[in-house]
C-alpha cells in the first residue's frame, strides 16, 4: 500500500500506509476529509478513522519565480547522488535561462515554506534546430526534485503545472526528454502518460504527452 497524500480534492497513493489494529480506510471520497494527521483522519461526517498514518500535502503547493530572495536556496537544491549525472544542476539551468529568455521558463516548486523542487519549461522553440521553423514545440526542459522530497507527488505536480501553462498558451502537446537506461526516469514519465516518439535529442529519449 502507500502513503496517502491529500491535496485539494485529490488523493494520490504513495509509499507506505501504516495500519494499527484492524482499522481500514476503505473507499471514500477525497472530499470526505476535513483534516488529517498521524494516527487519525476526520471525515466530513465527523467519523474518526484511526490507525492509519496519513500525510498531508498542503494546498500551498505552488510554483514561484526565481528571485534574489530565493536564488541561493534554488541553486542549493540537490537530487540524490546517483541521479546527478541524469540532470543538470539548477545553477546551469538558470544560466541557460539567462541566455534564452524568450524560451526558458524556470520555476521553483514550493510546498508551504519548503523548496522541494525546480523545473524549467521551454515554449515555442525550433525543436529540430534546423532553422526551418517547421517543428515548433513546448515542454519540460529540466526537472529536479530535492533528494529528501522524492516520491511525494512533487514531480507529477511539476509536469502537470507545465502542461497547464502550455494549454494556457494555446499548445496541444508537451515534449520532454530523459536519459535512457535503467537508472533513468523513463518509468516516471511513462506513468504520467508520456509516450516515446522514437526520436533522440542530445543522447536522450524524446517523449510527448497529448494535451486535451
N, C-alpha and C. Protein backbone atom coordinates (compact mmCIF):
# COMPACT_ATOMS: atom_id res chain seq x y z
N UNK A 1 0.85 -1.18 0.00
CA UNK A 1 0.00 0.00 0.00
C UNK A 1 0.89 1.23 0.00
N UNK A 2 0.42 2.38 0.19
CA UNK A 2 1.23 3.55 0.08
C UNK A 2 0.91 4.67 1.03
N UNK A 3 1.72 5.75 1.11
CA UNK A 3 1.42 6.95 1.92
C UNK A 3 0.26 7.67 1.26
N UNK A 4 -0.69 8.10 1.99
CA UNK A 4 -1.86 8.78 1.43
C UNK A 4 -1.61 10.27 1.46
N UNK A 5 -1.55 10.87 0.29
CA UNK A 5 -1.32 12.32 0.21
C UNK A 5 -2.61 12.99 -0.19
N UNK A 6 -3.02 13.99 0.55
CA UNK A 6 -4.22 14.73 0.21
C UNK A 6 -3.82 16.11 -0.28
N UNK A 7 -4.27 16.49 -1.46
CA UNK A 7 -4.03 17.82 -1.99
C UNK A 7 -5.30 18.28 -2.67
N UNK A 8 -5.87 19.34 -2.18
CA UNK A 8 -7.13 19.85 -2.69
C UNK A 8 -8.14 18.71 -2.66
N UNK A 9 -8.72 18.32 -3.79
CA UNK A 9 -9.77 17.31 -3.77
C UNK A 9 -9.29 15.97 -4.31
N UNK A 10 -7.97 15.77 -4.33
CA UNK A 10 -7.44 14.56 -4.94
C UNK A 10 -6.65 13.74 -3.95
N UNK A 11 -6.72 12.44 -4.10
CA UNK A 11 -5.90 11.54 -3.29
C UNK A 11 -4.95 10.81 -4.22
N UNK A 12 -3.68 10.85 -3.88
CA UNK A 12 -2.66 10.14 -4.62
C UNK A 12 -2.00 9.16 -3.68
N UNK A 13 -1.94 7.89 -4.05
CA UNK A 13 -1.34 6.89 -3.18
C UNK A 13 0.15 6.83 -3.42
N UNK A 14 0.93 6.95 -2.33
CA UNK A 14 2.38 6.89 -2.41
C UNK A 14 2.90 6.10 -1.22
N UNK A 15 4.01 5.44 -1.43
CA UNK A 15 4.81 4.80 -0.40
C UNK A 15 4.03 3.92 0.56
N UNK A 16 4.09 4.12 1.87
CA UNK A 16 3.53 3.19 2.84
C UNK A 16 2.51 3.79 3.76
N UNK A 17 1.37 3.11 3.93
CA UNK A 17 0.42 3.46 4.97
C UNK A 17 0.63 2.47 6.10
N UNK A 18 0.80 2.96 7.30
CA UNK A 18 0.95 2.09 8.45
C UNK A 18 -0.41 1.90 9.10
N UNK A 19 -0.86 0.67 9.22
CA UNK A 19 -2.13 0.39 9.83
C UNK A 19 -1.91 -0.16 11.24
N UNK A 20 -2.66 0.34 12.20
CA UNK A 20 -2.58 -0.10 13.58
C UNK A 20 -3.90 -0.77 13.91
N UNK A 21 -3.85 -2.01 14.38
CA UNK A 21 -5.09 -2.72 14.67
C UNK A 21 -5.77 -3.13 13.40
N UNK A 22 -7.10 -3.15 13.42
CA UNK A 22 -7.85 -3.65 12.28
C UNK A 22 -8.53 -2.56 11.48
N UNK A 23 -8.18 -1.28 11.74
CA UNK A 23 -8.84 -0.18 11.04
C UNK A 23 -8.48 -0.19 9.56
N UNK A 24 -9.41 0.23 8.74
CA UNK A 24 -9.19 0.32 7.30
C UNK A 24 -9.79 1.62 6.79
N UNK A 25 -9.14 2.21 5.83
CA UNK A 25 -9.66 3.44 5.25
C UNK A 25 -10.84 3.16 4.35
N UNK A 26 -10.74 2.13 3.52
CA UNK A 26 -11.82 1.82 2.61
C UNK A 26 -11.91 2.82 1.47
N UNK A 27 -12.94 2.68 0.68
CA UNK A 27 -13.12 3.56 -0.47
C UNK A 27 -13.97 4.75 -0.06
N UNK A 28 -13.35 5.90 0.10
CA UNK A 28 -14.07 7.11 0.47
C UNK A 28 -13.66 8.23 -0.46
N UNK A 29 -14.52 9.18 -0.62
CA UNK A 29 -14.24 10.31 -1.49
C UNK A 29 -13.19 11.21 -0.87
N UNK A 30 -12.27 11.78 -1.68
CA UNK A 30 -11.29 12.74 -1.16
C UNK A 30 -11.97 13.92 -0.47
N UNK A 31 -13.16 14.28 -0.94
CA UNK A 31 -13.86 15.42 -0.36
C UNK A 31 -14.41 15.12 1.02
N UNK A 32 -14.33 13.83 1.46
CA UNK A 32 -14.85 13.46 2.77
C UNK A 32 -13.94 13.91 3.89
N UNK A 33 -12.71 14.32 3.57
CA UNK A 33 -11.73 14.67 4.59
C UNK A 33 -11.70 16.16 4.89
N UNK A 34 -11.74 16.49 6.17
CA UNK A 34 -11.58 17.88 6.59
C UNK A 34 -10.17 18.12 7.08
N UNK A 35 -9.59 17.15 7.75
CA UNK A 35 -8.23 17.29 8.26
C UNK A 35 -7.65 15.91 8.46
N UNK A 36 -6.34 15.86 8.61
CA UNK A 36 -5.72 14.57 8.87
C UNK A 36 -4.40 14.77 9.60
N UNK A 37 -4.01 13.75 10.31
CA UNK A 37 -2.72 13.76 10.97
C UNK A 37 -2.29 12.32 11.17
N UNK A 38 -1.14 12.14 11.80
CA UNK A 38 -0.67 10.78 12.01
C UNK A 38 -1.57 10.11 13.04
N UNK A 39 -2.16 8.99 12.64
CA UNK A 39 -2.94 8.21 13.56
C UNK A 39 -4.43 8.35 13.41
N UNK A 40 -4.92 9.43 12.78
CA UNK A 40 -6.36 9.57 12.64
C UNK A 40 -6.70 10.46 11.46
N UNK A 41 -7.90 10.24 10.92
CA UNK A 41 -8.43 11.07 9.85
C UNK A 41 -9.85 11.44 10.23
N UNK A 42 -10.20 12.70 10.17
CA UNK A 42 -11.57 13.12 10.47
C UNK A 42 -12.30 13.39 9.16
N UNK A 43 -13.44 12.70 8.99
CA UNK A 43 -14.24 12.87 7.79
C UNK A 43 -15.29 13.94 8.01
N UNK A 44 -15.91 14.35 6.89
CA UNK A 44 -16.90 15.41 6.97
C UNK A 44 -18.12 15.01 7.80
N UNK A 45 -18.37 13.70 7.89
CA UNK A 45 -19.49 13.25 8.70
C UNK A 45 -19.10 13.09 10.17
N UNK A 46 -17.91 13.64 10.53
CA UNK A 46 -17.40 13.63 11.90
C UNK A 46 -16.99 12.24 12.37
N UNK A 47 -16.86 11.30 11.45
CA UNK A 47 -16.43 9.95 11.81
C UNK A 47 -14.90 9.90 11.83
N UNK A 48 -14.34 9.38 12.91
CA UNK A 48 -12.89 9.28 13.02
C UNK A 48 -12.43 7.90 12.56
N UNK A 49 -11.49 7.88 11.63
CA UNK A 49 -10.85 6.64 11.22
C UNK A 49 -9.47 6.62 11.85
N UNK A 50 -9.19 5.68 12.71
CA UNK A 50 -7.92 5.66 13.43
C UNK A 50 -7.02 4.55 12.90
N UNK A 51 -5.76 4.63 13.31
CA UNK A 51 -4.82 3.57 12.99
C UNK A 51 -4.22 3.66 11.61
N UNK A 52 -4.26 4.83 10.99
CA UNK A 52 -3.68 4.99 9.67
C UNK A 52 -2.70 6.15 9.71
N UNK A 53 -1.53 5.94 9.18
CA UNK A 53 -0.56 7.02 9.11
C UNK A 53 -0.81 7.78 7.82
N UNK A 54 -1.21 9.01 7.96
CA UNK A 54 -1.58 9.82 6.80
C UNK A 54 -0.77 11.10 6.80
N UNK A 55 -0.26 11.47 5.65
CA UNK A 55 0.49 12.70 5.49
C UNK A 55 -0.30 13.63 4.59
N UNK A 56 -0.23 14.91 4.84
CA UNK A 56 -0.99 15.87 4.06
C UNK A 56 -0.06 16.73 3.21
N UNK A 57 -0.31 16.71 1.90
CA UNK A 57 0.39 17.63 1.01
C UNK A 57 -0.41 18.93 1.04
N UNK A 58 0.19 19.99 1.46
CA UNK A 58 -0.56 21.21 1.72
C UNK A 58 -1.11 21.82 0.45
N UNK A 59 -2.20 22.57 0.59
CA UNK A 59 -2.78 23.25 -0.55
C UNK A 59 -1.94 24.46 -0.95
N UNK A 60 -0.85 24.72 -0.19
CA UNK A 60 0.05 25.82 -0.52
C UNK A 60 1.10 25.40 -1.55
N UNK A 61 0.96 24.21 -2.10
CA UNK A 61 1.88 23.73 -3.13
C UNK A 61 1.74 24.63 -4.36
N UNK A 62 2.88 25.16 -4.82
CA UNK A 62 2.82 26.16 -5.89
C UNK A 62 4.17 26.29 -6.59
N UNK A 63 4.15 27.01 -7.70
CA UNK A 63 5.38 27.39 -8.40
C UNK A 63 5.68 28.85 -8.07
N UNK A 64 6.97 29.17 -7.98
CA UNK A 64 7.38 30.56 -7.77
C UNK A 64 8.49 30.91 -8.73
N UNK A 65 8.55 32.17 -9.13
CA UNK A 65 9.65 32.66 -9.95
C UNK A 65 10.94 32.68 -9.15
N UNK A 66 12.06 32.64 -9.85
CA UNK A 66 13.37 32.77 -9.20
C UNK A 66 13.60 34.25 -8.93
N UNK A 67 13.93 34.57 -7.68
CA UNK A 67 14.18 35.95 -7.28
C UNK A 67 15.49 36.03 -6.52
N UNK A 68 15.90 37.24 -6.20
CA UNK A 68 17.11 37.43 -5.40
C UNK A 68 16.94 36.78 -4.02
N UNK A 69 15.71 36.74 -3.53
CA UNK A 69 15.47 36.18 -2.20
C UNK A 69 15.57 34.66 -2.15
N UNK A 70 15.22 33.98 -3.25
CA UNK A 70 15.25 32.51 -3.21
C UNK A 70 16.35 31.91 -4.08
N UNK A 71 17.17 32.76 -4.69
CA UNK A 71 18.20 32.27 -5.61
C UNK A 71 19.16 31.28 -4.92
N UNK A 72 19.67 31.62 -3.76
CA UNK A 72 20.63 30.75 -3.08
C UNK A 72 20.01 29.40 -2.73
N UNK A 73 18.78 29.43 -2.27
CA UNK A 73 18.10 28.17 -1.94
C UNK A 73 17.89 27.34 -3.20
N UNK A 74 17.56 28.01 -4.29
CA UNK A 74 17.31 27.30 -5.55
C UNK A 74 18.57 26.59 -6.04
N UNK A 75 19.69 27.30 -6.06
CA UNK A 75 20.91 26.67 -6.59
C UNK A 75 21.49 25.67 -5.60
N UNK A 76 21.02 25.70 -4.37
CA UNK A 76 21.47 24.72 -3.37
C UNK A 76 20.70 23.42 -3.42
N UNK A 77 19.64 23.36 -4.22
CA UNK A 77 18.84 22.14 -4.31
C UNK A 77 19.66 21.01 -4.92
N UNK A 78 19.57 19.84 -4.32
CA UNK A 78 20.33 18.68 -4.80
C UNK A 78 19.43 17.48 -4.96
N UNK A 79 19.62 16.75 -6.07
CA UNK A 79 18.94 15.47 -6.25
C UNK A 79 19.77 14.40 -5.53
N UNK A 80 19.33 13.17 -5.58
CA UNK A 80 20.09 12.09 -4.95
C UNK A 80 21.42 11.90 -5.68
N UNK A 81 22.47 11.50 -4.96
CA UNK A 81 23.80 11.39 -5.58
C UNK A 81 23.82 10.55 -6.85
N UNK A 82 23.09 9.44 -6.89
CA UNK A 82 23.13 8.59 -8.07
C UNK A 82 22.35 9.17 -9.24
N UNK A 83 21.68 10.30 -9.02
CA UNK A 83 20.91 10.95 -10.09
C UNK A 83 21.63 12.16 -10.68
N UNK A 84 22.75 12.52 -10.11
CA UNK A 84 23.41 13.76 -10.51
C UNK A 84 23.87 13.76 -11.97
N UNK A 85 24.14 12.58 -12.52
CA UNK A 85 24.55 12.53 -13.92
C UNK A 85 23.37 12.55 -14.88
N UNK A 86 22.15 12.51 -14.33
CA UNK A 86 20.96 12.44 -15.17
C UNK A 86 20.34 13.80 -15.45
N UNK A 87 20.62 14.78 -14.59
CA UNK A 87 20.00 16.10 -14.75
C UNK A 87 21.01 17.18 -14.37
N UNK A 88 21.01 18.26 -15.12
CA UNK A 88 21.94 19.36 -14.84
C UNK A 88 21.59 20.03 -13.52
N UNK A 89 22.57 20.57 -12.82
CA UNK A 89 22.28 21.31 -11.59
C UNK A 89 21.48 22.56 -11.89
N UNK A 90 20.77 23.04 -10.88
CA UNK A 90 19.90 24.20 -11.06
C UNK A 90 20.67 25.41 -11.57
N UNK A 91 21.89 25.62 -11.09
CA UNK A 91 22.65 26.80 -11.50
C UNK A 91 22.91 26.79 -13.00
N UNK A 92 23.13 25.62 -13.60
CA UNK A 92 23.32 25.56 -15.06
C UNK A 92 22.02 25.89 -15.78
N UNK A 93 20.91 25.37 -15.26
CA UNK A 93 19.62 25.67 -15.87
C UNK A 93 19.34 27.17 -15.86
N UNK A 94 19.66 27.82 -14.74
CA UNK A 94 19.42 29.26 -14.65
C UNK A 94 20.32 30.03 -15.60
N UNK A 95 21.54 29.54 -15.81
CA UNK A 95 22.42 30.19 -16.78
C UNK A 95 21.85 30.05 -18.19
N UNK A 96 21.30 28.87 -18.49
CA UNK A 96 20.70 28.66 -19.80
C UNK A 96 19.44 29.51 -19.97
N UNK A 97 18.70 29.68 -18.88
CA UNK A 97 17.51 30.53 -18.93
C UNK A 97 17.91 31.98 -19.19
N UNK A 98 19.03 32.39 -18.64
CA UNK A 98 19.51 33.76 -18.82
C UNK A 98 19.82 34.07 -20.28
N UNK A 99 20.40 33.09 -20.98
CA UNK A 99 20.77 33.32 -22.38
C UNK A 99 19.66 32.92 -23.34
N UNK A 100 18.56 32.36 -22.80
CA UNK A 100 17.39 32.03 -23.64
C UNK A 100 16.12 32.60 -22.99
N UNK A 101 16.09 33.91 -22.78
CA UNK A 101 14.99 34.49 -22.01
C UNK A 101 13.62 34.36 -22.68
N UNK A 102 13.61 34.24 -23.97
CA UNK A 102 12.32 34.14 -24.66
C UNK A 102 11.73 32.75 -24.67
N UNK A 103 12.57 31.75 -24.37
CA UNK A 103 12.11 30.36 -24.47
C UNK A 103 12.05 29.66 -23.13
N UNK A 104 12.96 29.98 -22.22
CA UNK A 104 13.06 29.25 -20.94
C UNK A 104 12.12 29.83 -19.89
N UNK A 105 11.59 28.93 -19.05
CA UNK A 105 10.61 29.31 -18.02
C UNK A 105 11.00 28.57 -16.73
N UNK A 106 11.97 29.12 -15.98
CA UNK A 106 12.40 28.44 -14.74
C UNK A 106 11.48 28.79 -13.58
N UNK A 107 11.20 27.79 -12.74
CA UNK A 107 10.37 27.99 -11.56
C UNK A 107 10.83 27.03 -10.46
N UNK A 108 10.66 27.46 -9.20
CA UNK A 108 10.88 26.55 -8.09
C UNK A 108 9.53 25.99 -7.65
N UNK A 109 9.55 24.79 -7.11
CA UNK A 109 8.35 24.15 -6.58
C UNK A 109 8.40 24.29 -5.06
N UNK A 110 7.38 24.89 -4.50
CA UNK A 110 7.35 25.20 -3.07
C UNK A 110 6.12 24.56 -2.44
N UNK A 111 6.31 23.90 -1.31
CA UNK A 111 5.20 23.33 -0.55
C UNK A 111 5.19 24.02 0.82
N UNK A 112 4.23 24.88 1.05
CA UNK A 112 4.24 25.67 2.27
C UNK A 112 5.40 26.64 2.24
N UNK A 113 6.35 26.45 3.16
CA UNK A 113 7.56 27.29 3.17
C UNK A 113 8.79 26.49 2.77
N UNK A 114 8.60 25.28 2.20
CA UNK A 114 9.71 24.41 1.84
C UNK A 114 9.91 24.39 0.32
N UNK A 115 11.16 24.61 -0.10
CA UNK A 115 11.51 24.46 -1.50
C UNK A 115 11.75 22.97 -1.74
N UNK A 116 10.94 22.36 -2.60
CA UNK A 116 11.02 20.91 -2.79
C UNK A 116 11.48 20.53 -4.18
N UNK A 117 11.53 21.48 -5.10
CA UNK A 117 11.95 21.11 -6.44
C UNK A 117 12.17 22.32 -7.34
N UNK A 118 12.63 22.02 -8.54
CA UNK A 118 12.89 23.03 -9.56
C UNK A 118 12.47 22.46 -10.91
N UNK A 119 11.89 23.29 -11.73
CA UNK A 119 11.59 22.88 -13.09
C UNK A 119 11.95 24.01 -14.04
N UNK A 120 12.19 23.64 -15.27
CA UNK A 120 12.34 24.65 -16.32
C UNK A 120 11.62 24.14 -17.55
N UNK A 121 10.65 24.92 -18.00
CA UNK A 121 9.92 24.61 -19.22
C UNK A 121 10.52 25.38 -20.38
N UNK A 122 10.14 24.99 -21.59
CA UNK A 122 10.50 25.75 -22.78
C UNK A 122 9.25 25.94 -23.61
N UNK A 123 9.18 27.07 -24.31
CA UNK A 123 7.99 27.38 -25.09
C UNK A 123 8.36 27.82 -26.50
N UNK A 124 7.71 27.19 -27.45
CA UNK A 124 7.78 27.61 -28.86
C UNK A 124 9.21 27.68 -29.40
N UNK A 125 9.94 26.58 -29.21
CA UNK A 125 11.30 26.54 -29.75
C UNK A 125 11.33 25.68 -31.02
N UNK A 126 12.33 25.93 -31.84
CA UNK A 126 12.57 25.12 -33.03
C UNK A 126 13.25 23.84 -32.55
N UNK A 127 12.46 22.80 -32.28
CA UNK A 127 12.98 21.61 -31.60
C UNK A 127 14.02 20.87 -32.43
N UNK A 128 13.84 20.82 -33.74
CA UNK A 128 14.80 20.12 -34.59
C UNK A 128 16.10 20.90 -34.74
N UNK A 129 16.02 22.22 -34.55
CA UNK A 129 17.22 23.05 -34.64
C UNK A 129 17.78 23.20 -36.04
N UNK A 130 16.95 22.92 -37.05
CA UNK A 130 17.46 23.01 -38.43
C UNK A 130 17.24 24.39 -39.03
N UNK A 131 16.67 25.30 -38.26
CA UNK A 131 16.48 26.66 -38.73
C UNK A 131 15.28 26.86 -39.64
N UNK A 132 14.56 25.80 -39.94
CA UNK A 132 13.41 25.92 -40.85
C UNK A 132 12.15 26.40 -40.13
N UNK A 133 12.11 26.20 -38.81
CA UNK A 133 10.95 26.64 -38.04
C UNK A 133 9.70 25.83 -38.30
N UNK A 134 9.86 24.59 -38.73
CA UNK A 134 8.70 23.75 -39.03
C UNK A 134 8.38 22.77 -37.90
N UNK A 135 9.21 22.72 -36.88
CA UNK A 135 8.99 21.78 -35.77
C UNK A 135 9.02 22.55 -34.46
N UNK A 136 8.00 23.33 -34.22
CA UNK A 136 7.93 24.19 -33.04
C UNK A 136 7.26 23.42 -31.90
N UNK A 137 7.93 23.34 -30.76
CA UNK A 137 7.38 22.58 -29.64
C UNK A 137 7.57 23.33 -28.32
N UNK A 138 6.78 22.90 -27.34
CA UNK A 138 6.89 23.39 -25.96
C UNK A 138 6.93 22.18 -25.04
N UNK A 139 7.54 22.35 -23.87
CA UNK A 139 7.58 21.20 -22.98
C UNK A 139 8.40 21.42 -21.74
N UNK A 140 8.80 20.33 -21.15
CA UNK A 140 9.58 20.32 -19.91
C UNK A 140 11.05 20.11 -20.25
N UNK A 141 11.86 21.08 -19.88
CA UNK A 141 13.30 21.04 -20.19
C UNK A 141 14.06 20.37 -19.05
N UNK A 142 13.81 20.79 -17.82
CA UNK A 142 14.53 20.23 -16.66
C UNK A 142 13.55 19.97 -15.52
N UNK A 143 13.86 18.95 -14.73
CA UNK A 143 13.08 18.67 -13.53
C UNK A 143 14.02 18.13 -12.45
N UNK A 144 14.16 18.87 -11.37
CA UNK A 144 15.00 18.48 -10.24
C UNK A 144 14.12 18.46 -8.99
N UNK A 145 13.92 17.29 -8.41
CA UNK A 145 13.20 17.18 -7.15
C UNK A 145 14.21 16.88 -6.05
N UNK A 146 14.16 17.65 -4.97
CA UNK A 146 15.14 17.51 -3.89
C UNK A 146 15.22 16.08 -3.39
N UNK A 147 16.42 15.66 -3.03
CA UNK A 147 16.67 14.28 -2.63
C UNK A 147 15.71 13.79 -1.55
N UNK A 148 15.45 14.62 -0.56
CA UNK A 148 14.60 14.20 0.54
C UNK A 148 13.12 14.37 0.30
N UNK A 149 12.75 14.84 -0.89
CA UNK A 149 11.35 15.13 -1.18
C UNK A 149 10.78 14.26 -2.31
N UNK A 150 11.55 13.30 -2.77
CA UNK A 150 11.11 12.49 -3.89
C UNK A 150 10.10 11.43 -3.44
N UNK A 151 9.25 11.03 -4.37
CA UNK A 151 8.23 10.03 -4.08
C UNK A 151 7.02 10.59 -3.37
N UNK A 152 6.84 11.90 -3.39
CA UNK A 152 5.74 12.54 -2.67
C UNK A 152 4.78 13.29 -3.58
N UNK A 153 4.88 13.07 -4.87
CA UNK A 153 3.95 13.69 -5.80
C UNK A 153 4.39 15.01 -6.37
N UNK A 154 5.57 15.50 -5.98
CA UNK A 154 6.01 16.81 -6.46
C UNK A 154 6.40 16.79 -7.94
N UNK A 155 6.97 15.68 -8.39
CA UNK A 155 7.32 15.58 -9.80
C UNK A 155 6.07 15.61 -10.68
N UNK A 156 5.05 14.88 -10.27
CA UNK A 156 3.79 14.89 -11.00
C UNK A 156 3.20 16.30 -11.03
N UNK A 157 3.23 16.97 -9.89
CA UNK A 157 2.71 18.34 -9.82
C UNK A 157 3.47 19.24 -10.80
N UNK A 158 4.79 19.07 -10.88
CA UNK A 158 5.60 19.90 -11.77
C UNK A 158 5.21 19.68 -13.23
N UNK A 159 5.09 18.42 -13.63
CA UNK A 159 4.72 18.12 -15.02
C UNK A 159 3.33 18.65 -15.32
N UNK A 160 2.39 18.45 -14.40
CA UNK A 160 1.03 18.94 -14.61
C UNK A 160 0.99 20.46 -14.71
N UNK A 161 1.86 21.13 -13.95
CA UNK A 161 1.91 22.59 -13.99
C UNK A 161 2.42 23.09 -15.33
N UNK A 162 3.43 22.42 -15.87
CA UNK A 162 3.94 22.79 -17.19
C UNK A 162 2.88 22.53 -18.26
N UNK A 163 2.19 21.39 -18.14
CA UNK A 163 1.12 21.09 -19.09
C UNK A 163 0.04 22.16 -19.06
N UNK A 164 -0.31 22.61 -17.86
CA UNK A 164 -1.33 23.65 -17.73
C UNK A 164 -0.88 24.96 -18.37
N UNK A 165 0.40 25.29 -18.22
CA UNK A 165 0.92 26.53 -18.81
C UNK A 165 0.94 26.44 -20.33
N UNK A 166 1.28 25.26 -20.85
CA UNK A 166 1.26 25.07 -22.31
C UNK A 166 -0.15 25.23 -22.84
N UNK A 167 -1.11 24.62 -22.15
CA UNK A 167 -2.51 24.78 -22.57
C UNK A 167 -2.92 26.25 -22.54
N UNK A 168 -2.53 26.96 -21.49
CA UNK A 168 -2.90 28.37 -21.35
C UNK A 168 -2.38 29.18 -22.52
N UNK A 169 -1.22 28.76 -23.05
CA UNK A 169 -0.61 29.47 -24.18
C UNK A 169 -1.11 28.96 -25.53
N UNK A 170 -2.06 28.04 -25.50
CA UNK A 170 -2.65 27.54 -26.73
C UNK A 170 -2.02 26.28 -27.29
N UNK A 171 -1.08 25.66 -26.56
CA UNK A 171 -0.43 24.45 -27.03
C UNK A 171 -1.28 23.21 -26.84
N UNK A 172 -0.94 22.16 -27.58
CA UNK A 172 -1.72 20.92 -27.53
C UNK A 172 -0.87 19.69 -27.20
N UNK A 173 0.42 19.89 -26.97
CA UNK A 173 1.26 18.75 -26.59
C UNK A 173 2.43 19.23 -25.76
N UNK A 174 2.91 18.33 -24.92
CA UNK A 174 4.08 18.59 -24.07
C UNK A 174 5.18 17.64 -24.50
N UNK A 175 6.35 18.19 -24.74
CA UNK A 175 7.52 17.39 -25.12
C UNK A 175 8.54 17.42 -23.99
N UNK A 176 9.18 16.28 -23.74
CA UNK A 176 10.26 16.24 -22.76
C UNK A 176 11.27 15.18 -23.18
N UNK A 177 12.37 15.11 -22.49
CA UNK A 177 13.40 14.11 -22.78
C UNK A 177 13.91 13.50 -21.50
N UNK A 178 14.51 12.32 -21.60
CA UNK A 178 15.11 11.67 -20.43
C UNK A 178 16.24 10.75 -20.88
N UNK A 179 17.15 10.50 -19.96
CA UNK A 179 18.26 9.60 -20.23
C UNK A 179 17.74 8.17 -20.36
N UNK A 180 18.17 7.44 -21.38
CA UNK A 180 17.77 6.05 -21.48
C UNK A 180 18.52 5.21 -20.45
N UNK A 181 18.03 4.02 -20.20
CA UNK A 181 18.71 3.14 -19.26
C UNK A 181 17.92 2.94 -17.98
N UNK A 182 18.32 1.92 -17.22
CA UNK A 182 17.60 1.54 -16.02
C UNK A 182 17.64 2.61 -14.93
N UNK A 183 18.68 3.43 -14.93
CA UNK A 183 18.79 4.45 -13.89
C UNK A 183 18.12 5.75 -14.29
N UNK A 184 17.51 5.78 -15.46
CA UNK A 184 16.84 6.99 -15.93
C UNK A 184 15.44 7.14 -15.36
N UNK A 185 14.73 8.15 -15.85
CA UNK A 185 13.40 8.47 -15.31
C UNK A 185 12.27 8.07 -16.26
N UNK A 186 12.55 7.13 -17.15
CA UNK A 186 11.53 6.74 -18.12
C UNK A 186 10.25 6.24 -17.45
N UNK A 187 10.40 5.42 -16.41
CA UNK A 187 9.23 4.88 -15.72
C UNK A 187 8.34 5.97 -15.17
N UNK A 188 8.95 7.01 -14.64
CA UNK A 188 8.19 8.14 -14.10
C UNK A 188 7.36 8.80 -15.20
N UNK A 189 7.99 9.09 -16.33
CA UNK A 189 7.29 9.78 -17.40
C UNK A 189 6.23 8.90 -18.05
N UNK A 190 6.53 7.63 -18.23
CA UNK A 190 5.53 6.73 -18.80
C UNK A 190 4.30 6.65 -17.88
N UNK A 191 4.55 6.69 -16.59
CA UNK A 191 3.45 6.65 -15.62
C UNK A 191 2.54 7.85 -15.69
N UNK A 192 3.02 8.93 -16.28
CA UNK A 192 2.22 10.14 -16.43
C UNK A 192 1.52 10.20 -17.79
N UNK A 193 1.69 9.14 -18.57
CA UNK A 193 1.04 9.10 -19.87
C UNK A 193 1.89 9.63 -21.01
N UNK A 194 3.12 10.00 -20.71
CA UNK A 194 4.04 10.48 -21.76
C UNK A 194 4.56 9.27 -22.53
N UNK A 195 4.56 9.35 -23.85
CA UNK A 195 4.95 8.22 -24.67
C UNK A 195 6.16 8.57 -25.55
N UNK A 196 7.13 7.65 -25.68
CA UNK A 196 8.29 7.90 -26.53
C UNK A 196 7.88 8.13 -27.98
N UNK A 197 8.57 9.06 -28.62
CA UNK A 197 8.27 9.35 -30.03
C UNK A 197 9.16 8.55 -30.97
N UNK A 198 10.20 7.92 -30.41
CA UNK A 198 11.17 7.22 -31.25
C UNK A 198 12.34 8.11 -31.63
N UNK A 199 12.27 9.39 -31.26
CA UNK A 199 13.34 10.33 -31.56
C UNK A 199 14.38 10.32 -30.44
N UNK A 200 15.55 10.85 -30.74
CA UNK A 200 16.59 11.10 -29.75
C UNK A 200 17.00 12.56 -29.88
N UNK A 201 17.32 13.17 -28.74
CA UNK A 201 17.78 14.56 -28.74
C UNK A 201 18.91 14.70 -27.73
N UNK A 202 20.09 15.00 -28.21
CA UNK A 202 21.24 15.12 -27.31
C UNK A 202 21.52 13.86 -26.53
N UNK A 203 21.29 12.69 -27.13
CA UNK A 203 21.52 11.42 -26.47
C UNK A 203 20.40 11.01 -25.54
N UNK A 204 19.31 11.76 -25.50
CA UNK A 204 18.18 11.44 -24.64
C UNK A 204 16.96 11.03 -25.46
N UNK A 205 16.11 10.19 -24.85
CA UNK A 205 14.86 9.81 -25.50
C UNK A 205 13.89 10.99 -25.46
N UNK A 206 13.11 11.11 -26.50
CA UNK A 206 12.09 12.15 -26.58
C UNK A 206 10.72 11.53 -26.33
N UNK A 207 9.94 12.19 -25.50
CA UNK A 207 8.58 11.72 -25.25
C UNK A 207 7.60 12.87 -25.36
N UNK A 208 6.34 12.52 -25.62
CA UNK A 208 5.31 13.55 -25.75
C UNK A 208 4.03 13.14 -25.04
N UNK A 209 3.34 14.16 -24.58
CA UNK A 209 2.03 13.99 -23.94
C UNK A 209 1.05 14.86 -24.70
N UNK A 210 0.01 14.22 -25.27
CA UNK A 210 -1.05 14.99 -25.94
C UNK A 210 -1.92 15.64 -24.87
N UNK A 211 -2.20 16.92 -25.02
CA UNK A 211 -2.97 17.67 -24.06
C UNK A 211 -4.38 17.87 -24.56
N UNK A 212 -5.34 17.49 -23.74
CA UNK A 212 -6.75 17.64 -24.12
C UNK A 212 -7.17 19.09 -24.08
